[in-house]
């Protein structure tokens, strides 16, 4: 059965992770970037997870998993090296109707985590429906060469342009024409070369924002 692709807003959502090893650490690092509230259940934590605990970025609830720990949780990740324990966690979470992922145990998941390429606001997710995570990772690596860091600059800038254009009160047709012209232009290549003056001229020709080269640099990089 094919999976339904979706991006979740985890800002302020409680996520329970059972496990404290390297796999759990990678999950925690990604989830913290997404603003999730992390609770850990594990006998031991990696040094990085211990640091997160000391910084109060995660909460270490207990050493052993208990069903009661699932109360008020939005998502659960079973990331131990004990398949039976992961299955137990999954069964308890699914009984409560929760989202649950058991690492490397697709049968015990109701969602799977794709290989993800991130370039700022741009995210490209690759999934093989759980059949070959290694192949998904390989495809992501190919995409990393195709979609360089310049895409982050472009996404940042396009977001600011979009807000500015929508505030102008143009018609929907005009907005669409502007956005399509920008997407079809060579703005990406110009930003890749950090030619801010040229980028400003290009943007202002398509939409009359009168932005300076310095403004383009600021909106693209956020570094002023």
C-alpha atoms as a PDB file:
ATOM      1  CA  UNK A   1       0.000   0.000   0.000  1.00  0.00           C
ATOM      2  CA  UNK A   2       1.450   3.421  -0.913  1.00  0.00           C
ATOM      3  CA  UNK A   3       2.079   5.983   1.815  1.00  0.00           C
ATOM      4  CA  UNK A   4       0.415   9.403   1.839  1.00  0.00           C
ATOM      5  CA  UNK A   5       3.190  12.046   1.838  1.00  0.00           C
ATOM      6  CA  UNK A   6       2.745  14.845   4.373  1.00  0.00           C
ATOM      7  CA  UNK A   7       4.801  17.465   6.234  1.00  0.00           C
ATOM      8  CA  UNK A   8       3.876  17.883   9.908  1.00  0.00           C
ATOM      9  CA  UNK A   9       4.001  21.029  12.010  1.00  0.00           C
ATOM     10  CA  UNK A  10       5.587  19.812  15.270  1.00  0.00           C
ATOM     11  CA  UNK A  11       6.061  23.223  16.883  1.00  0.00           C
ATOM     12  CA  UNK A  12       5.165  22.783  20.548  1.00  0.00           C
ATOM     13  CA  UNK A  13       4.088  19.160  20.054  1.00  0.00           C
ATOM     14  CA  UNK A  14       5.163  16.492  22.557  1.00  0.00           C
ATOM     15  CA  UNK A  15       7.224  13.647  21.111  1.00  0.00           C
ATOM     16  CA  UNK A  16       8.217  10.580  23.126  1.00  0.00           C
ATOM     17  CA  UNK A  17      11.401   8.831  22.044  1.00  0.00           C
ATOM     18  CA  UNK A  18      12.197   5.444  23.532  1.00  0.00           C
ATOM     19  CA  UNK A  19      15.922   4.885  23.176  1.00  0.00           C
ATOM     20  CA  UNK A  20      19.069   6.829  23.944  1.00  0.00           C
ATOM     21  CA  UNK A  21      21.612   5.709  21.361  1.00  0.00           C
ATOM     22  CA  UNK A  22      22.926   7.211  18.133  1.00  0.00           C
ATOM     23  CA  UNK A  23      19.682   6.600  16.242  1.00  0.00           C
ATOM     24  CA  UNK A  24      17.638   8.281  18.957  1.00  0.00           C
ATOM     25  CA  UNK A  25      20.134  11.146  18.968  1.00  0.00           C
ATOM     26  CA  UNK A  26      19.649  11.761  15.237  1.00  0.00           C
ATOM     27  CA  UNK A  27      15.882  11.773  15.728  1.00  0.00           C
ATOM     28  CA  UNK A  28      16.163  14.233  18.587  1.00  0.00           C
ATOM     29  CA  UNK A  29      18.411  16.602  16.633  1.00  0.00           C
ATOM     30  CA  UNK A  30      15.960  16.772  13.740  1.00  0.00           C
ATOM     31  CA  UNK A  31      12.892  17.088  15.959  1.00  0.00           C
ATOM     32  CA  UNK A  32      14.444  19.911  17.976  1.00  0.00           C
ATOM     33  CA  UNK A  33      14.985  21.818  14.734  1.00  0.00           C
ATOM     34  CA  UNK A  34      11.246  21.458  14.136  1.00  0.00           C
ATOM     35  CA  UNK A  35      10.342  22.870  17.542  1.00  0.00           C
ATOM     36  CA  UNK A  36       9.107  19.634  19.105  1.00  0.00           C
ATOM     37  CA  UNK A  37       9.052  19.060  22.870  1.00  0.00           C
ATOM     38  CA  UNK A  38      11.154  15.944  23.416  1.00  0.00           C
ATOM     39  CA  UNK A  39      10.724  13.383  26.173  1.00  0.00           C
ATOM     40  CA  UNK A  40      13.185  10.488  26.413  1.00  0.00           C
ATOM     41  CA  UNK A  41      12.897   7.044  27.925  1.00  0.00           C
ATOM     42  CA  UNK A  42      16.227   5.245  27.974  1.00  0.00           C
ATOM     43  CA  UNK A  43      18.627   3.405  30.255  1.00  0.00           C
ATOM     44  CA  UNK A  44      21.600   5.297  28.862  1.00  0.00           C
ATOM     45  CA  UNK A  45      22.031   8.456  26.800  1.00  0.00           C
ATOM     46  CA  UNK A  46      24.726   9.393  24.318  1.00  0.00           C
ATOM     47  CA  UNK A  47      26.989  12.292  25.375  1.00  0.00           C
ATOM     48  CA  UNK A  48      25.085  14.557  22.969  1.00  0.00           C
ATOM     49  CA  UNK A  49      21.752  13.592  24.523  1.00  0.00           C
ATOM     50  CA  UNK A  50      23.195  14.097  27.992  1.00  0.00           C
ATOM     51  CA  UNK A  51      24.179  17.602  26.895  1.00  0.00           C
ATOM     52  CA  UNK A  52      20.665  18.289  25.596  1.00  0.00           C
ATOM     53  CA  UNK A  53      19.339  17.061  28.948  1.00  0.00           C
ATOM     54  CA  UNK A  54      21.685  19.358  30.889  1.00  0.00           C
ATOM     55  CA  UNK A  55      20.564  22.254  28.686  1.00  0.00           C
ATOM     56  CA  UNK A  56      16.937  21.316  29.429  1.00  0.00           C
ATOM     57  CA  UNK A  57      16.265  20.911  25.728  1.00  0.00           C
ATOM     58  CA  UNK A  58      14.955  17.390  26.362  1.00  0.00           C
ATOM     59  CA  UNK A  59      13.413  15.703  29.383  1.00  0.00           C
ATOM     60  CA  UNK A  60      14.638  12.283  30.509  1.00  0.00           C
ATOM     61  CA  UNK A  61      11.450  10.746  31.919  1.00  0.00           C
ATOM     62  CA  UNK A  62      12.620   7.305  32.977  1.00  0.00           C
ATOM     63  CA  UNK A  63      14.864   4.352  32.241  1.00  0.00           C
ATOM     64  CA  UNK A  64      12.034   1.945  31.396  1.00  0.00           C
ATOM     65  CA  UNK A  65       9.012   2.357  29.134  1.00  0.00           C
ATOM     66  CA  UNK A  66       5.551   2.492  30.703  1.00  0.00           C
ATOM     67  CA  UNK A  67       2.207   2.913  28.903  1.00  0.00           C
ATOM     68  CA  UNK A  68       1.392   5.905  31.114  1.00  0.00           C
ATOM     69  CA  UNK A  69       4.232   7.850  29.456  1.00  0.00           C
ATOM     70  CA  UNK A  70       2.092   8.085  26.324  1.00  0.00           C
ATOM     71  CA  UNK A  71      -0.402  10.451  27.934  1.00  0.00           C
ATOM     72  CA  UNK A  72      -0.687  13.778  26.075  1.00  0.00           C
ATOM     73  CA  UNK A  73       1.919  12.690  23.521  1.00  0.00           C
ATOM     74  CA  UNK A  74       1.475  13.582  19.838  1.00  0.00           C
ATOM     75  CA  UNK A  75       4.091  11.285  18.300  1.00  0.00           C
ATOM     76  CA  UNK A  76       6.166   8.305  19.408  1.00  0.00           C
ATOM     77  CA  UNK A  77       9.464   6.973  18.081  1.00  0.00           C
ATOM     78  CA  UNK A  78      10.774   3.598  19.191  1.00  0.00           C
ATOM     79  CA  UNK A  79      14.520   3.725  18.556  1.00  0.00           C
ATOM     80  CA  UNK A  80      16.058   1.008  20.716  1.00  0.00           C
ATOM     81  CA  UNK A  81      18.121  -1.983  19.562  1.00  0.00           C
ATOM     82  CA  UNK A  82      15.500  -4.292  21.110  1.00  0.00           C
ATOM     83  CA  UNK A  83      12.959  -5.261  18.428  1.00  0.00           C
ATOM     84  CA  UNK A  84      10.552  -6.710  20.993  1.00  0.00           C
ATOM     85  CA  UNK A  85      10.583  -3.494  23.027  1.00  0.00           C
ATOM     86  CA  UNK A  86      10.076  -1.383  19.915  1.00  0.00           C
ATOM     87  CA  UNK A  87       7.092  -3.558  19.033  1.00  0.00           C
ATOM     88  CA  UNK A  88       5.687  -3.169  22.549  1.00  0.00           C
ATOM     89  CA  UNK A  89       5.993   0.616  22.333  1.00  0.00           C
ATOM     90  CA  UNK A  90       4.368   0.616  18.903  1.00  0.00           C
ATOM     91  CA  UNK A  91       1.442  -1.532  20.025  1.00  0.00           C
ATOM     92  CA  UNK A  92       0.759   0.706  23.019  1.00  0.00           C
ATOM     93  CA  UNK A  93       1.004   3.880  20.939  1.00  0.00           C
ATOM     94  CA  UNK A  94      -1.278   2.599  18.191  1.00  0.00           C
ATOM     95  CA  UNK A  95      -3.839   1.533  20.792  1.00  0.00           C
ATOM     96  CA  UNK A  96      -4.068   5.211  21.723  1.00  0.00           C
ATOM     97  CA  UNK A  97      -4.308   6.330  18.094  1.00  0.00           C
ATOM     98  CA  UNK A  98      -0.895   7.984  18.138  1.00  0.00           C
ATOM     99  CA  UNK A  99       1.589   8.468  15.341  1.00  0.00           C
ATOM    100  CA  UNK A 100       4.375   5.938  15.862  1.00  0.00           C
ATOM    101  CA  UNK A 101       7.571   4.993  14.089  1.00  0.00           C
ATOM    102  CA  UNK A 102       9.628   1.968  15.076  1.00  0.00           C
ATOM    103  CA  UNK A 103      13.054   2.327  13.494  1.00  0.00           C
ATOM    104  CA  UNK A 104      13.790  -0.382  10.899  1.00  0.00           C
ATOM    105  CA  UNK A 105      10.515  -2.175  11.713  1.00  0.00           C
ATOM    106  CA  UNK A 106       7.997  -1.051   9.044  1.00  0.00           C
ATOM    107  CA  UNK A 107       5.330  -3.474  10.262  1.00  0.00           C
ATOM    108  CA  UNK A 108       5.319  -1.657  13.609  1.00  0.00           C
ATOM    109  CA  UNK A 109       4.946   1.820  12.086  1.00  0.00           C
ATOM    110  CA  UNK A 110       1.941   3.828  11.000  1.00  0.00           C
ATOM    111  CA  UNK A 111       4.291   6.366   9.423  1.00  0.00           C
ATOM    112  CA  UNK A 112       7.812   6.180   8.052  1.00  0.00           C
ATOM    113  CA  UNK A 113      10.505   8.843   7.951  1.00  0.00           C
ATOM    114  CA  UNK A 114      11.847   9.666   4.471  1.00  0.00           C
ATOM    115  CA  UNK A 115      15.366  10.655   3.535  1.00  0.00           C
ATOM    116  CA  UNK A 116      15.240  14.454   3.479  1.00  0.00           C
ATOM    117  CA  UNK A 117      17.285  17.087   1.668  1.00  0.00           C
ATOM    118  CA  UNK A 118      17.015  20.533   3.287  1.00  0.00           C
ATOM    119  CA  UNK A 119      17.975  23.831   1.780  1.00  0.00           C
ATOM    120  CA  UNK A 120      16.477  26.366   4.155  1.00  0.00           C
ATOM    121  CA  UNK A 121      12.729  26.356   3.592  1.00  0.00           C
ATOM    122  CA  UNK A 122      13.102  23.910   0.709  1.00  0.00           C
ATOM    123  CA  UNK A 123      12.654  20.291   1.745  1.00  0.00           C
ATOM    124  CA  UNK A 124      12.756  17.366  -0.658  1.00  0.00           C
ATOM    125  CA  UNK A 125      11.662  14.053   0.845  1.00  0.00           C
ATOM    126  CA  UNK A 126      12.552  10.716  -0.736  1.00  0.00           C
ATOM    127  CA  UNK A 127      10.795   7.496   0.204  1.00  0.00           C
ATOM    128  CA  UNK A 128      10.874   3.932  -1.071  1.00  0.00           C
ATOM    129  CA  UNK A 129       7.800   3.109   1.067  1.00  0.00           C
ATOM    130  CA  UNK A 130      10.056   1.431   3.576  1.00  0.00           C
ATOM    131  CA  UNK A 131      11.400  -1.093   1.089  1.00  0.00           C
ATOM    132  CA  UNK A 132      14.934   0.282   0.800  1.00  0.00           C
ATOM    133  CA  UNK A 133      16.000   3.135   3.115  1.00  0.00           C
ATOM    134  CA  UNK A 134      19.542   2.751   1.760  1.00  0.00           C
ATOM    135  CA  UNK A 135      18.335   3.525  -1.762  1.00  0.00           C
ATOM    136  CA  UNK A 136      16.338   6.513  -0.503  1.00  0.00           C
ATOM    137  CA  UNK A 137      19.530   7.820   1.124  1.00  0.00           C
ATOM    138  CA  UNK A 138      21.452   7.298  -2.132  1.00  0.00           C
ATOM    139  CA  UNK A 139      18.857   9.243  -4.118  1.00  0.00           C
ATOM    140  CA  UNK A 140      18.986  12.042  -1.552  1.00  0.00           C
ATOM    141  CA  UNK A 141      22.756  12.250  -2.008  1.00  0.00           C
ATOM    142  CA  UNK A 142      22.267  12.607  -5.761  1.00  0.00           C
ATOM    143  CA  UNK A 143      19.751  15.402  -5.152  1.00  0.00           C
ATOM    144  CA  UNK A 144      22.214  17.174  -2.846  1.00  0.00           C
ATOM    145  CA  UNK A 145      24.516  17.682  -5.812  1.00  0.00           C
ATOM    146  CA  UNK A 146      21.644  18.944  -7.967  1.00  0.00           C
ATOM    147  CA  UNK A 147      20.139  21.312  -5.414  1.00  0.00           C
ATOM    148  CA  UNK A 148      22.981  23.368  -3.950  1.00  0.00           C
ATOM    149  CA  UNK A 149      23.067  25.942  -1.183  1.00  0.00           C
ATOM    150  CA  UNK A 150      21.928  28.625  -3.631  1.00  0.00           C
ATOM    151  CA  UNK A 151      18.408  27.213  -3.336  1.00  0.00           C
ATOM    152  CA  UNK A 152      18.314  28.360   0.276  1.00  0.00           C
ATOM    153  CA  UNK A 153      19.119  31.896  -0.860  1.00  0.00           C
ATOM    154  CA  UNK A 154      16.389  31.729  -3.486  1.00  0.00           C
ATOM    155  CA  UNK A 155      13.761  30.331  -1.113  1.00  0.00           C
ATOM    156  CA  UNK A 156      14.537  33.007   1.474  1.00  0.00           C
ATOM    157  CA  UNK A 157      14.256  35.769  -1.103  1.00  0.00           C
ATOM    158  CA  UNK A 158      11.134  34.370  -2.767  1.00  0.00           C
ATOM    159  CA  UNK A 159       9.408  34.234   0.597  1.00  0.00           C
ATOM    160  CA  UNK A 160      10.069  37.922   1.209  1.00  0.00           C
ATOM    161  CA  UNK A 161       9.039  38.842  -2.314  1.00  0.00           C
ATOM    162  CA  UNK A 162       5.816  36.857  -1.967  1.00  0.00           C
ATOM    163  CA  UNK A 163       4.856  38.712   1.213  1.00  0.00           C
ATOM    164  CA  UNK A 164       5.660  42.069  -0.378  1.00  0.00           C
ATOM    165  CA  UNK A 165       3.710  41.296  -3.549  1.00  0.00           C
ATOM    166  CA  UNK A 166       0.634  40.044  -1.712  1.00  0.00           C
ATOM    167  CA  UNK A 167       0.580  43.279   0.301  1.00  0.00           C
ATOM    168  CA  UNK A 168       0.387  45.305  -2.923  1.00  0.00           C
ATOM    169  CA  UNK A 169      -3.212  44.316  -3.562  1.00  0.00           C
ATOM    170  CA  UNK A 170      -2.596  43.120  -7.123  1.00  0.00           C
ATOM    171  CA  UNK A 171      -5.057  40.782  -8.810  1.00  0.00           C
ATOM    172  CA  UNK A 172      -4.587  37.045  -8.474  1.00  0.00           C
ATOM    173  CA  UNK A 173      -3.621  36.870 -12.135  1.00  0.00           C
ATOM    174  CA  UNK A 174      -0.942  39.540 -11.676  1.00  0.00           C
ATOM    175  CA  UNK A 175       0.448  37.807  -8.603  1.00  0.00           C
ATOM    176  CA  UNK A 176       0.638  34.516 -10.472  1.00  0.00           C
ATOM    177  CA  UNK A 177       2.397  36.142 -13.426  1.00  0.00           C
ATOM    178  CA  UNK A 178       4.987  37.755 -11.136  1.00  0.00           C
ATOM    179  CA  UNK A 179       5.724  34.557  -9.234  1.00  0.00           C
ATOM    180  CA  UNK A 180       6.017  32.523 -12.435  1.00  0.00           C
ATOM    181  CA  UNK A 181       8.339  35.066 -14.039  1.00  0.00           C
ATOM    182  CA  UNK A 182      10.601  34.984 -10.993  1.00  0.00           C
ATOM    183  CA  UNK A 183      10.614  31.173 -10.915  1.00  0.00           C
ATOM    184  CA  UNK A 184      11.415  31.014 -14.651  1.00  0.00           C
ATOM    185  CA  UNK A 185      14.170  33.627 -14.479  1.00  0.00           C
ATOM    186  CA  UNK A 186      17.901  33.103 -13.966  1.00  0.00           C
ATOM    187  CA  UNK A 187      17.646  34.567 -10.466  1.00  0.00           C
ATOM    188  CA  UNK A 188      18.899  31.287  -8.995  1.00  0.00           C
ATOM    189  CA  UNK A 189      22.130  31.438 -10.963  1.00  0.00           C
ATOM    190  CA  UNK A 190      22.621  35.111 -10.108  1.00  0.00           C
ATOM    191  CA  UNK A 191      22.174  34.425  -6.388  1.00  0.00           C
ATOM    192  CA  UNK A 192      24.588  31.500  -6.636  1.00  0.00           C
ATOM    193  CA  UNK A 193      27.240  33.994  -7.764  1.00  0.00           C
ATOM    194  CA  UNK A 194      26.134  36.450  -5.035  1.00  0.00           C
ATOM    195  CA  UNK A 195      25.657  39.171  -7.634  1.00  0.00           C
ATOM    196  CA  UNK A 196      23.363  41.226  -5.422  1.00  0.00           C
ATOM    197  CA  UNK A 197      23.189  44.301  -7.681  1.00  0.00           C
ATOM    198  CA  UNK A 198      22.227  42.189 -10.678  1.00  0.00           C
ATOM    199  CA  UNK A 199      19.665  40.316  -8.597  1.00  0.00           C
ATOM    200  CA  UNK A 200      18.113  43.567  -7.392  1.00  0.00           C
ATOM    201  CA  UNK A 201      17.810  44.850 -10.947  1.00  0.00           C
ATOM    202  CA  UNK A 202      16.205  41.599 -12.067  1.00  0.00           C
ATOM    203  CA  UNK A 203      13.683  41.549  -9.227  1.00  0.00           C
ATOM    204  CA  UNK A 204      12.735  45.197  -9.654  1.00  0.00           C
ATOM    205  CA  UNK A 205      12.157  44.703 -13.380  1.00  0.00           C
ATOM    206  CA  UNK A 206       9.610  41.993 -12.653  1.00  0.00           C
ATOM    207  CA  UNK A 207       7.923  43.632  -9.670  1.00  0.00           C
ATOM    208  CA  UNK A 208       8.352  47.318  -8.709  1.00  0.00           C
ATOM    209  CA  UNK A 209       9.655  46.916  -5.184  1.00  0.00           C
ATOM    210  CA  UNK A 210      12.633  49.287  -5.572  1.00  0.00           C
ATOM    211  CA  UNK A 211      14.795  47.018  -3.421  1.00  0.00           C
ATOM    212  CA  UNK A 212      18.505  47.779  -3.209  1.00  0.00           C
ATOM    213  CA  UNK A 213      21.306  45.279  -3.638  1.00  0.00           C
ATOM    214  CA  UNK A 214      21.839  45.417   0.132  1.00  0.00           C
ATOM    215  CA  UNK A 215      18.172  44.565   0.722  1.00  0.00           C
ATOM    216  CA  UNK A 216      18.401  41.609  -1.641  1.00  0.00           C
ATOM    217  CA  UNK A 217      21.492  40.370   0.185  1.00  0.00           C
ATOM    218  CA  UNK A 218      19.787  40.753   3.548  1.00  0.00           C
ATOM    219  CA  UNK A 219      16.589  38.972   2.490  1.00  0.00           C
ATOM    220  CA  UNK A 220      18.550  36.174   0.821  1.00  0.00           C
ATOM    221  CA  UNK A 221      21.068  35.518   3.579  1.00  0.00           C
ATOM    222  CA  UNK A 222      19.625  37.155   6.664  1.00  0.00           C
ATOM    223  CA  UNK A 223      23.124  38.478   7.410  1.00  0.00           C
ATOM    224  CA  UNK A 224      22.617  42.122   6.536  1.00  0.00           C
END
